N, C-alpha and C. Protein backbone atom coordinates (compact mmCIF):
# COMPACT_ATOMS: atom_id res chain seq x y z
N UNK A 1 133.03 -257.60 -1.72
CA UNK A 1 131.89 -258.41 -1.31
C UNK A 1 130.89 -258.50 -2.48
N UNK A 2 130.46 -259.70 -2.78
CA UNK A 2 129.52 -259.92 -3.88
C UNK A 2 128.12 -259.49 -3.45
N UNK A 3 127.43 -258.84 -4.34
CA UNK A 3 126.10 -258.30 -4.06
C UNK A 3 125.03 -259.26 -4.59
N UNK A 4 124.76 -260.32 -3.86
CA UNK A 4 123.79 -261.33 -4.31
C UNK A 4 122.38 -260.77 -4.40
N UNK A 5 121.98 -260.01 -3.38
CA UNK A 5 120.62 -259.46 -3.39
C UNK A 5 120.45 -258.49 -4.56
N UNK A 6 121.40 -257.60 -4.76
CA UNK A 6 121.32 -256.66 -5.89
C UNK A 6 121.26 -257.38 -7.22
N UNK A 7 122.04 -258.43 -7.39
CA UNK A 7 122.03 -259.20 -8.63
C UNK A 7 120.70 -259.91 -8.82
N UNK A 8 120.15 -260.46 -7.74
CA UNK A 8 118.87 -261.14 -7.81
C UNK A 8 117.76 -260.17 -8.24
N UNK A 9 117.72 -258.99 -7.61
CA UNK A 9 116.68 -258.00 -7.92
C UNK A 9 116.85 -257.45 -9.32
N UNK A 10 118.09 -257.24 -9.77
CA UNK A 10 118.33 -256.77 -11.14
C UNK A 10 117.83 -257.82 -12.14
N UNK A 11 118.07 -259.08 -11.85
CA UNK A 11 117.57 -260.14 -12.73
C UNK A 11 116.05 -260.15 -12.80
N UNK A 12 115.40 -259.96 -11.66
CA UNK A 12 113.94 -259.89 -11.61
C UNK A 12 113.44 -258.72 -12.46
N UNK A 13 114.07 -257.57 -12.28
CA UNK A 13 113.69 -256.37 -13.04
C UNK A 13 113.89 -256.61 -14.54
N UNK A 14 115.02 -257.20 -14.91
CA UNK A 14 115.30 -257.48 -16.32
C UNK A 14 114.27 -258.43 -16.92
N UNK A 15 113.92 -259.47 -16.18
CA UNK A 15 112.91 -260.42 -16.68
C UNK A 15 111.55 -259.76 -16.87
N UNK A 16 111.20 -258.82 -16.00
CA UNK A 16 109.92 -258.12 -16.10
C UNK A 16 109.91 -257.18 -17.31
N UNK A 17 111.04 -256.52 -17.58
CA UNK A 17 111.11 -255.53 -18.66
C UNK A 17 111.33 -256.16 -20.04
N UNK A 18 112.06 -257.27 -20.10
CA UNK A 18 112.47 -257.84 -21.39
C UNK A 18 111.32 -258.13 -22.35
N UNK A 19 110.15 -258.64 -21.92
CA UNK A 19 109.08 -258.90 -22.89
C UNK A 19 108.56 -257.65 -23.61
N UNK A 20 108.90 -256.48 -23.11
CA UNK A 20 108.42 -255.23 -23.72
C UNK A 20 109.41 -254.64 -24.72
N UNK A 21 110.54 -255.30 -24.92
CA UNK A 21 111.57 -254.80 -25.84
C UNK A 21 111.27 -255.28 -27.25
N UNK A 22 111.37 -254.35 -28.18
CA UNK A 22 111.19 -254.64 -29.61
C UNK A 22 112.36 -254.02 -30.37
N UNK A 23 112.93 -254.75 -31.32
CA UNK A 23 113.96 -254.20 -32.19
C UNK A 23 115.26 -253.91 -31.46
N UNK A 24 116.04 -253.01 -32.03
CA UNK A 24 117.34 -252.65 -31.46
C UNK A 24 117.12 -251.92 -30.13
N UNK A 25 117.87 -252.32 -29.12
CA UNK A 25 117.71 -251.82 -27.75
C UNK A 25 118.82 -250.85 -27.37
N UNK A 26 118.43 -249.75 -26.75
CA UNK A 26 119.37 -248.83 -26.12
C UNK A 26 119.00 -248.77 -24.64
N UNK A 27 119.93 -249.19 -23.77
CA UNK A 27 119.70 -249.15 -22.33
C UNK A 27 120.49 -247.98 -21.76
N UNK A 28 119.79 -246.96 -21.29
CA UNK A 28 120.40 -245.75 -20.72
C UNK A 28 120.54 -245.94 -19.22
N UNK A 29 121.74 -245.66 -18.70
CA UNK A 29 122.02 -245.92 -17.29
C UNK A 29 122.18 -247.41 -17.08
N UNK A 30 122.88 -248.07 -17.99
CA UNK A 30 122.94 -249.53 -18.05
C UNK A 30 123.70 -250.20 -16.91
N UNK A 31 124.51 -249.44 -16.18
CA UNK A 31 125.25 -250.05 -15.07
C UNK A 31 126.13 -251.18 -15.56
N UNK A 32 125.92 -252.37 -15.05
CA UNK A 32 126.72 -253.54 -15.43
C UNK A 32 126.35 -254.09 -16.81
N UNK A 33 125.34 -253.52 -17.43
CA UNK A 33 124.91 -253.85 -18.79
C UNK A 33 124.31 -255.25 -18.92
N UNK A 34 123.74 -255.76 -17.85
CA UNK A 34 123.16 -257.10 -17.89
C UNK A 34 121.88 -257.17 -18.73
N UNK A 35 121.16 -256.06 -18.81
CA UNK A 35 119.92 -256.08 -19.59
C UNK A 35 120.22 -256.26 -21.07
N UNK A 36 121.16 -255.51 -21.58
CA UNK A 36 121.53 -255.64 -23.00
C UNK A 36 122.16 -257.01 -23.25
N UNK A 37 123.04 -257.45 -22.37
CA UNK A 37 123.72 -258.73 -22.57
C UNK A 37 122.74 -259.90 -22.54
N UNK A 38 121.65 -259.77 -21.82
CA UNK A 38 120.65 -260.83 -21.76
C UNK A 38 119.61 -260.78 -22.87
N UNK A 39 119.62 -259.72 -23.66
CA UNK A 39 118.66 -259.55 -24.75
C UNK A 39 119.17 -260.32 -25.96
N UNK A 40 118.30 -261.01 -26.64
CA UNK A 40 118.71 -261.84 -27.78
C UNK A 40 118.93 -261.05 -29.06
N UNK A 41 118.47 -259.80 -29.12
CA UNK A 41 118.65 -258.98 -30.31
C UNK A 41 119.81 -258.02 -30.15
N UNK A 42 119.96 -257.12 -31.13
CA UNK A 42 121.05 -256.14 -31.04
C UNK A 42 120.76 -255.09 -29.98
N UNK A 43 121.79 -254.64 -29.30
CA UNK A 43 121.59 -253.64 -28.27
C UNK A 43 122.87 -252.94 -27.88
N UNK A 44 122.70 -251.84 -27.17
CA UNK A 44 123.81 -251.01 -26.74
C UNK A 44 123.50 -250.46 -25.35
N UNK A 45 124.45 -250.60 -24.44
CA UNK A 45 124.30 -250.05 -23.10
C UNK A 45 125.14 -248.80 -22.95
N UNK A 46 124.50 -247.73 -22.48
CA UNK A 46 125.20 -246.45 -22.30
C UNK A 46 125.06 -246.00 -20.85
N UNK A 47 126.14 -245.44 -20.32
CA UNK A 47 126.14 -244.94 -18.95
C UNK A 47 127.15 -243.80 -18.88
N UNK A 48 127.08 -243.04 -17.80
CA UNK A 48 128.05 -241.95 -17.59
C UNK A 48 129.27 -242.44 -16.83
N UNK A 49 129.25 -243.69 -16.41
CA UNK A 49 130.33 -244.27 -15.63
C UNK A 49 130.66 -245.66 -16.20
N UNK A 50 131.92 -246.00 -16.28
CA UNK A 50 132.31 -247.31 -16.81
C UNK A 50 132.26 -248.34 -15.69
N UNK A 51 131.22 -249.14 -15.72
CA UNK A 51 131.05 -250.17 -14.69
C UNK A 51 131.74 -251.47 -15.06
N UNK A 52 132.40 -251.50 -16.22
CA UNK A 52 133.15 -252.69 -16.61
C UNK A 52 132.73 -253.29 -17.92
N UNK A 53 131.44 -253.19 -18.28
CA UNK A 53 130.97 -253.77 -19.53
C UNK A 53 130.03 -252.81 -20.27
N UNK A 54 130.20 -251.52 -20.02
CA UNK A 54 129.38 -250.51 -20.67
C UNK A 54 129.86 -250.36 -22.12
N UNK A 55 128.91 -250.35 -23.08
CA UNK A 55 129.29 -250.22 -24.49
C UNK A 55 129.73 -248.80 -24.83
N UNK A 56 129.00 -247.80 -24.31
CA UNK A 56 129.31 -246.41 -24.59
C UNK A 56 129.28 -245.63 -23.28
N UNK A 57 130.39 -244.99 -22.95
CA UNK A 57 130.42 -244.09 -21.80
C UNK A 57 130.22 -242.68 -22.36
N UNK A 58 129.18 -242.01 -21.90
CA UNK A 58 128.82 -240.68 -22.40
C UNK A 58 128.91 -239.68 -21.25
N UNK A 59 129.48 -238.54 -21.53
CA UNK A 59 129.55 -237.49 -20.51
C UNK A 59 128.16 -236.98 -20.17
N UNK A 60 127.25 -237.01 -21.15
CA UNK A 60 125.90 -236.48 -20.98
C UNK A 60 124.95 -237.33 -21.82
N UNK A 61 124.09 -238.09 -21.18
CA UNK A 61 123.19 -238.98 -21.93
C UNK A 61 122.02 -238.24 -22.57
N UNK A 62 122.01 -236.91 -22.46
CA UNK A 62 121.01 -236.14 -23.20
C UNK A 62 121.57 -235.69 -24.55
N UNK A 63 122.81 -236.08 -24.83
CA UNK A 63 123.47 -235.74 -26.11
C UNK A 63 124.23 -236.96 -26.59
N UNK A 64 123.51 -237.89 -27.19
CA UNK A 64 124.10 -239.14 -27.65
C UNK A 64 124.43 -239.08 -29.13
N UNK A 65 125.42 -239.84 -29.52
CA UNK A 65 125.86 -239.83 -30.92
C UNK A 65 125.22 -240.96 -31.71
N UNK A 66 123.90 -241.04 -31.63
CA UNK A 66 123.13 -242.00 -32.41
C UNK A 66 122.23 -241.23 -33.36
N UNK A 67 121.87 -241.89 -34.47
CA UNK A 67 121.00 -241.27 -35.47
C UNK A 67 119.56 -241.19 -34.96
N UNK A 68 118.80 -240.27 -35.50
CA UNK A 68 117.37 -240.20 -35.23
C UNK A 68 116.73 -241.54 -35.61
N UNK A 69 115.85 -242.03 -34.76
CA UNK A 69 115.09 -243.24 -35.07
C UNK A 69 115.91 -244.51 -35.16
N UNK A 70 117.06 -244.56 -34.53
CA UNK A 70 117.96 -245.72 -34.65
C UNK A 70 117.54 -246.92 -33.82
N UNK A 71 116.69 -246.74 -32.82
CA UNK A 71 116.35 -247.81 -31.90
C UNK A 71 114.85 -248.10 -31.89
N UNK A 72 114.52 -249.35 -31.63
CA UNK A 72 113.13 -249.75 -31.47
C UNK A 72 112.67 -249.61 -30.03
N UNK A 73 113.63 -249.73 -29.08
CA UNK A 73 113.31 -249.62 -27.66
C UNK A 73 114.44 -248.90 -26.94
N UNK A 74 114.05 -248.02 -26.03
CA UNK A 74 114.99 -247.43 -25.07
C UNK A 74 114.53 -247.89 -23.70
N UNK A 75 115.45 -248.37 -22.90
CA UNK A 75 115.11 -248.76 -21.53
C UNK A 75 115.89 -247.89 -20.55
N UNK A 76 115.24 -247.59 -19.45
CA UNK A 76 115.88 -246.88 -18.33
C UNK A 76 115.39 -247.61 -17.08
N UNK A 77 116.18 -248.59 -16.65
CA UNK A 77 115.76 -249.48 -15.58
C UNK A 77 116.42 -249.08 -14.26
N UNK A 78 115.60 -248.71 -13.30
CA UNK A 78 116.06 -248.36 -11.95
C UNK A 78 117.11 -247.26 -11.97
N UNK A 79 117.04 -246.37 -12.96
CA UNK A 79 118.08 -245.33 -13.02
C UNK A 79 117.57 -243.95 -13.41
N UNK A 80 116.31 -243.79 -13.74
CA UNK A 80 115.82 -242.47 -14.14
C UNK A 80 116.02 -241.45 -13.03
N UNK A 81 115.88 -241.87 -11.79
CA UNK A 81 116.08 -240.97 -10.66
C UNK A 81 117.54 -240.57 -10.49
N UNK A 82 118.46 -241.35 -11.04
CA UNK A 82 119.89 -241.05 -10.94
C UNK A 82 120.37 -240.18 -12.10
N UNK A 83 119.48 -239.77 -12.96
CA UNK A 83 119.83 -238.92 -14.09
C UNK A 83 119.43 -237.49 -13.74
N UNK A 84 120.41 -236.61 -13.49
CA UNK A 84 120.07 -235.23 -13.10
C UNK A 84 119.23 -234.50 -14.15
N UNK A 85 119.55 -234.70 -15.42
CA UNK A 85 118.84 -234.01 -16.50
C UNK A 85 117.81 -234.96 -17.12
N UNK A 86 116.84 -235.39 -16.31
CA UNK A 86 115.85 -236.37 -16.76
C UNK A 86 115.08 -235.91 -17.99
N UNK A 87 114.66 -234.65 -18.01
CA UNK A 87 113.86 -234.15 -19.13
C UNK A 87 114.67 -234.20 -20.43
N UNK A 88 115.91 -233.77 -20.38
CA UNK A 88 116.76 -233.79 -21.58
C UNK A 88 117.04 -235.20 -22.06
N UNK A 89 117.27 -236.11 -21.13
CA UNK A 89 117.54 -237.50 -21.50
C UNK A 89 116.30 -238.14 -22.13
N UNK A 90 115.13 -237.84 -21.62
CA UNK A 90 113.91 -238.38 -22.22
C UNK A 90 113.63 -237.79 -23.59
N UNK A 91 113.95 -236.52 -23.78
CA UNK A 91 113.83 -235.93 -25.13
C UNK A 91 114.80 -236.62 -26.10
N UNK A 92 115.99 -236.94 -25.61
CA UNK A 92 116.97 -237.63 -26.44
C UNK A 92 116.51 -239.06 -26.73
N UNK A 93 115.92 -239.72 -25.76
CA UNK A 93 115.35 -241.05 -25.99
C UNK A 93 114.27 -240.99 -27.07
N UNK A 94 113.45 -239.97 -27.00
CA UNK A 94 112.40 -239.77 -28.01
C UNK A 94 113.03 -239.62 -29.39
N UNK A 95 114.09 -238.84 -29.48
CA UNK A 95 114.77 -238.59 -30.77
C UNK A 95 115.35 -239.87 -31.37
N UNK A 96 116.00 -240.69 -30.55
CA UNK A 96 116.68 -241.88 -31.09
C UNK A 96 115.72 -243.05 -31.33
N UNK A 97 114.47 -242.93 -30.86
CA UNK A 97 113.49 -243.99 -31.10
C UNK A 97 112.85 -243.83 -32.47
N UNK A 98 112.59 -244.95 -33.11
CA UNK A 98 111.85 -244.92 -34.37
C UNK A 98 110.38 -244.62 -34.06
N UNK A 99 109.63 -244.09 -35.03
CA UNK A 99 108.20 -243.87 -34.81
C UNK A 99 107.54 -245.19 -34.40
N UNK A 100 106.72 -245.15 -33.36
CA UNK A 100 106.10 -246.35 -32.83
C UNK A 100 107.00 -247.10 -31.85
N UNK A 101 108.23 -246.62 -31.68
CA UNK A 101 109.15 -247.26 -30.73
C UNK A 101 108.68 -247.05 -29.31
N UNK A 102 109.29 -247.77 -28.40
CA UNK A 102 108.83 -247.72 -27.01
C UNK A 102 109.96 -247.46 -26.04
N UNK A 103 109.57 -246.89 -24.92
CA UNK A 103 110.49 -246.70 -23.81
C UNK A 103 109.97 -247.52 -22.63
N UNK A 104 110.88 -248.19 -21.96
CA UNK A 104 110.55 -249.06 -20.83
C UNK A 104 111.29 -248.52 -19.61
N UNK A 105 110.54 -248.18 -18.57
CA UNK A 105 111.12 -247.58 -17.37
C UNK A 105 110.68 -248.39 -16.15
N UNK A 106 111.63 -248.64 -15.23
CA UNK A 106 111.25 -249.19 -13.93
C UNK A 106 111.70 -248.21 -12.86
N UNK A 107 110.91 -248.12 -11.79
CA UNK A 107 111.24 -247.16 -10.73
C UNK A 107 110.54 -247.55 -9.43
N UNK A 108 111.22 -247.25 -8.33
CA UNK A 108 110.62 -247.40 -7.00
C UNK A 108 110.29 -246.01 -6.47
N UNK A 109 109.36 -245.91 -5.52
CA UNK A 109 108.96 -244.60 -4.99
C UNK A 109 110.04 -244.01 -4.07
N UNK A 110 109.99 -242.69 -3.86
CA UNK A 110 111.03 -241.99 -3.10
C UNK A 110 111.30 -242.50 -1.68
N UNK A 111 110.27 -242.73 -0.89
CA UNK A 111 110.50 -243.16 0.49
C UNK A 111 111.20 -244.51 0.53
N UNK A 112 110.71 -245.44 -0.24
CA UNK A 112 111.35 -246.75 -0.30
C UNK A 112 112.79 -246.63 -0.82
N UNK A 113 113.00 -245.77 -1.78
CA UNK A 113 114.35 -245.58 -2.33
C UNK A 113 115.32 -245.07 -1.27
N UNK A 114 114.89 -244.12 -0.45
CA UNK A 114 115.75 -243.61 0.63
C UNK A 114 116.16 -244.72 1.59
N UNK A 115 115.17 -245.50 2.02
CA UNK A 115 115.44 -246.60 2.94
C UNK A 115 116.36 -247.63 2.28
N UNK A 116 116.03 -247.98 1.04
CA UNK A 116 116.81 -248.96 0.29
C UNK A 116 118.27 -248.53 0.15
N UNK A 117 118.49 -247.28 -0.27
CA UNK A 117 119.87 -246.80 -0.43
C UNK A 117 120.62 -246.78 0.90
N UNK A 118 119.95 -246.43 1.96
CA UNK A 118 120.59 -246.41 3.27
C UNK A 118 121.00 -247.83 3.70
N UNK A 119 120.07 -248.78 3.59
CA UNK A 119 120.35 -250.15 4.01
C UNK A 119 121.40 -250.83 3.14
N UNK A 120 121.41 -250.50 1.86
CA UNK A 120 122.31 -251.19 0.92
C UNK A 120 123.65 -250.51 0.72
N UNK A 121 123.87 -249.39 1.32
CA UNK A 121 125.11 -248.64 1.10
C UNK A 121 126.38 -249.49 1.20
N UNK A 122 126.51 -250.38 2.17
CA UNK A 122 127.76 -251.16 2.25
C UNK A 122 128.02 -252.09 1.06
N UNK A 123 126.96 -252.49 0.34
CA UNK A 123 127.11 -253.44 -0.76
C UNK A 123 126.90 -252.82 -2.13
N UNK A 124 126.52 -251.58 -2.19
CA UNK A 124 126.13 -250.94 -3.46
C UNK A 124 127.32 -250.22 -4.07
N UNK A 125 127.86 -250.78 -5.17
CA UNK A 125 129.01 -250.17 -5.85
C UNK A 125 128.73 -248.73 -6.25
N UNK A 126 127.49 -248.47 -6.72
CA UNK A 126 127.13 -247.13 -7.16
C UNK A 126 127.33 -246.11 -6.04
N UNK A 127 126.93 -246.45 -4.84
CA UNK A 127 127.07 -245.52 -3.72
C UNK A 127 128.52 -245.43 -3.24
N UNK A 128 129.22 -246.56 -3.23
CA UNK A 128 130.61 -246.55 -2.74
C UNK A 128 131.55 -245.85 -3.70
N UNK A 129 131.37 -246.08 -5.01
CA UNK A 129 132.32 -245.56 -5.98
C UNK A 129 131.96 -244.19 -6.53
N UNK A 130 130.68 -243.91 -6.69
CA UNK A 130 130.28 -242.67 -7.36
C UNK A 130 129.46 -241.78 -6.46
N UNK A 131 128.55 -242.36 -5.70
CA UNK A 131 127.69 -241.57 -4.83
C UNK A 131 126.61 -240.82 -5.60
N UNK A 132 125.86 -240.01 -4.89
CA UNK A 132 124.80 -239.21 -5.50
C UNK A 132 125.38 -237.86 -5.91
N UNK A 133 124.97 -237.38 -7.08
CA UNK A 133 125.41 -236.08 -7.55
C UNK A 133 124.23 -235.12 -7.55
N UNK A 134 124.50 -233.85 -7.69
CA UNK A 134 123.45 -232.84 -7.70
C UNK A 134 122.42 -233.15 -8.79
N UNK A 135 121.16 -233.12 -8.43
CA UNK A 135 120.08 -233.39 -9.37
C UNK A 135 119.52 -234.80 -9.27
N UNK A 136 120.29 -235.72 -8.68
CA UNK A 136 119.77 -237.07 -8.47
C UNK A 136 118.77 -237.04 -7.32
N UNK A 137 117.80 -237.92 -7.37
CA UNK A 137 116.80 -238.00 -6.32
C UNK A 137 116.60 -239.45 -5.92
N UNK A 138 116.00 -239.64 -4.76
CA UNK A 138 115.69 -240.99 -4.30
C UNK A 138 114.34 -241.39 -4.85
N UNK A 139 114.33 -242.17 -5.92
CA UNK A 139 113.10 -242.67 -6.51
C UNK A 139 112.24 -241.60 -7.13
N UNK A 140 111.19 -242.04 -7.80
CA UNK A 140 110.21 -241.16 -8.42
C UNK A 140 108.83 -241.79 -8.25
N UNK A 141 107.84 -240.98 -8.02
CA UNK A 141 106.48 -241.50 -7.92
C UNK A 141 105.99 -241.91 -9.32
N UNK A 142 105.01 -242.80 -9.39
CA UNK A 142 104.44 -243.16 -10.69
C UNK A 142 103.92 -241.93 -11.44
N UNK A 143 103.33 -241.00 -10.71
CA UNK A 143 102.82 -239.77 -11.32
C UNK A 143 103.96 -238.95 -11.95
N UNK A 144 105.08 -238.86 -11.24
CA UNK A 144 106.24 -238.11 -11.77
C UNK A 144 106.79 -238.78 -13.03
N UNK A 145 106.85 -240.10 -13.03
CA UNK A 145 107.34 -240.83 -14.22
C UNK A 145 106.42 -240.56 -15.40
N UNK A 146 105.10 -240.67 -15.18
CA UNK A 146 104.14 -240.40 -16.27
C UNK A 146 104.28 -238.98 -16.79
N UNK A 147 104.41 -238.00 -15.88
CA UNK A 147 104.55 -236.61 -16.29
C UNK A 147 105.81 -236.40 -17.12
N UNK A 148 106.92 -236.96 -16.69
CA UNK A 148 108.18 -236.83 -17.43
C UNK A 148 108.04 -237.43 -18.83
N UNK A 149 107.43 -238.60 -18.91
CA UNK A 149 107.29 -239.26 -20.21
C UNK A 149 106.36 -238.49 -21.14
N UNK A 150 105.21 -238.05 -20.64
CA UNK A 150 104.27 -237.33 -21.51
C UNK A 150 104.82 -235.97 -21.91
N UNK A 151 105.55 -235.31 -21.03
CA UNK A 151 106.17 -234.02 -21.38
C UNK A 151 107.18 -234.20 -22.51
N UNK A 152 107.86 -235.34 -22.55
CA UNK A 152 108.84 -235.62 -23.61
C UNK A 152 108.17 -236.04 -24.91
N UNK A 153 106.84 -236.25 -24.91
CA UNK A 153 106.12 -236.60 -26.13
C UNK A 153 105.63 -238.03 -26.20
N UNK A 154 105.91 -238.83 -25.18
CA UNK A 154 105.50 -240.24 -25.17
C UNK A 154 104.04 -240.40 -24.75
N UNK A 155 103.46 -241.52 -25.14
CA UNK A 155 102.13 -241.91 -24.69
C UNK A 155 102.27 -243.16 -23.84
N UNK A 156 101.90 -243.07 -22.58
CA UNK A 156 101.99 -244.22 -21.68
C UNK A 156 100.93 -245.24 -22.09
N UNK A 157 101.37 -246.49 -22.30
CA UNK A 157 100.45 -247.54 -22.76
C UNK A 157 100.33 -248.71 -21.78
N UNK A 158 101.24 -248.78 -20.82
CA UNK A 158 101.19 -249.91 -19.88
C UNK A 158 101.90 -249.54 -18.59
N UNK A 159 101.27 -249.87 -17.46
CA UNK A 159 101.89 -249.70 -16.16
C UNK A 159 101.53 -250.91 -15.32
N UNK A 160 102.50 -251.41 -14.57
CA UNK A 160 102.20 -252.50 -13.65
C UNK A 160 103.21 -252.53 -12.52
N UNK A 161 102.71 -252.97 -11.38
CA UNK A 161 103.57 -253.14 -10.20
C UNK A 161 104.16 -254.54 -10.26
N UNK A 162 105.37 -254.66 -9.73
CA UNK A 162 106.00 -255.97 -9.61
C UNK A 162 106.96 -255.93 -8.44
N UNK A 163 107.69 -256.98 -8.23
CA UNK A 163 108.63 -257.09 -7.12
C UNK A 163 107.88 -256.86 -5.80
N UNK A 164 106.88 -257.69 -5.60
CA UNK A 164 106.03 -257.63 -4.41
C UNK A 164 105.30 -256.29 -4.28
N UNK A 165 105.05 -255.66 -5.42
CA UNK A 165 104.29 -254.42 -5.46
C UNK A 165 105.09 -253.16 -5.17
N UNK A 166 106.39 -253.27 -4.93
CA UNK A 166 107.16 -252.07 -4.58
C UNK A 166 107.82 -251.42 -5.79
N UNK A 167 107.96 -252.12 -6.88
CA UNK A 167 108.56 -251.57 -8.08
C UNK A 167 107.47 -251.38 -9.12
N UNK A 168 107.73 -250.49 -10.08
CA UNK A 168 106.72 -250.20 -11.09
C UNK A 168 107.37 -250.19 -12.47
N UNK A 169 106.72 -250.88 -13.39
CA UNK A 169 107.13 -250.91 -14.79
C UNK A 169 106.20 -249.98 -15.56
N UNK A 170 106.77 -249.09 -16.35
CA UNK A 170 105.99 -248.18 -17.19
C UNK A 170 106.50 -248.32 -18.62
N UNK A 171 105.59 -248.53 -19.56
CA UNK A 171 105.93 -248.63 -20.97
C UNK A 171 105.18 -247.51 -21.68
N UNK A 172 105.92 -246.78 -22.52
CA UNK A 172 105.31 -245.69 -23.30
C UNK A 172 105.81 -245.78 -24.74
N UNK A 173 105.04 -245.22 -25.65
CA UNK A 173 105.42 -245.28 -27.07
C UNK A 173 105.62 -243.87 -27.62
N UNK A 174 106.46 -243.85 -28.64
CA UNK A 174 106.63 -242.63 -29.44
C UNK A 174 105.57 -242.71 -30.53
N UNK A 175 104.66 -241.74 -30.58
CA UNK A 175 103.62 -241.79 -31.63
C UNK A 175 104.25 -241.90 -33.03
N UNK A 176 103.53 -242.56 -33.92
CA UNK A 176 104.01 -242.71 -35.28
C UNK A 176 104.16 -241.36 -35.96
N UNK A 177 103.31 -240.40 -35.60
CA UNK A 177 103.43 -239.03 -36.10
C UNK A 177 103.27 -238.11 -34.92
N UNK A 178 103.90 -236.96 -35.00
CA UNK A 178 103.80 -236.03 -33.88
C UNK A 178 103.25 -234.72 -34.32
């Protein structure tokens, strides 16, 4: 069964995040890799599962085989809550970003995420094929996202609600010096 609603919402999320991308893009938890494929610059999609068009399948996205400072932007769209080792992955994102580079995160809150996952289970490939693993959570609050980013060394520079106010875009930068 084709997931029209999921595709529509992913497109909306991608359109909201894309203006914040600068330079070479690394999309962590890329899923179908539509964000990288829709970006006009160079990019790489990495995931722990091969959804069909993933550029790099990594056993652990907190240990990537990229050079320090290799990317201008790291994105984690609608997937930070699905990463059990969120702190390690954000430290790795910090490492692979160039000084002044940015991270772009989208996330829905926990209660909405629980309801959403329950209602969408019949159409959601992620739930049907892989399911939730230990350490994954249903959504993250804006406060939790900010805390995770600042703990990893980022400075939050932009936050906004979108998708009828239920989704949140957070942009943070890696300071030029630390």
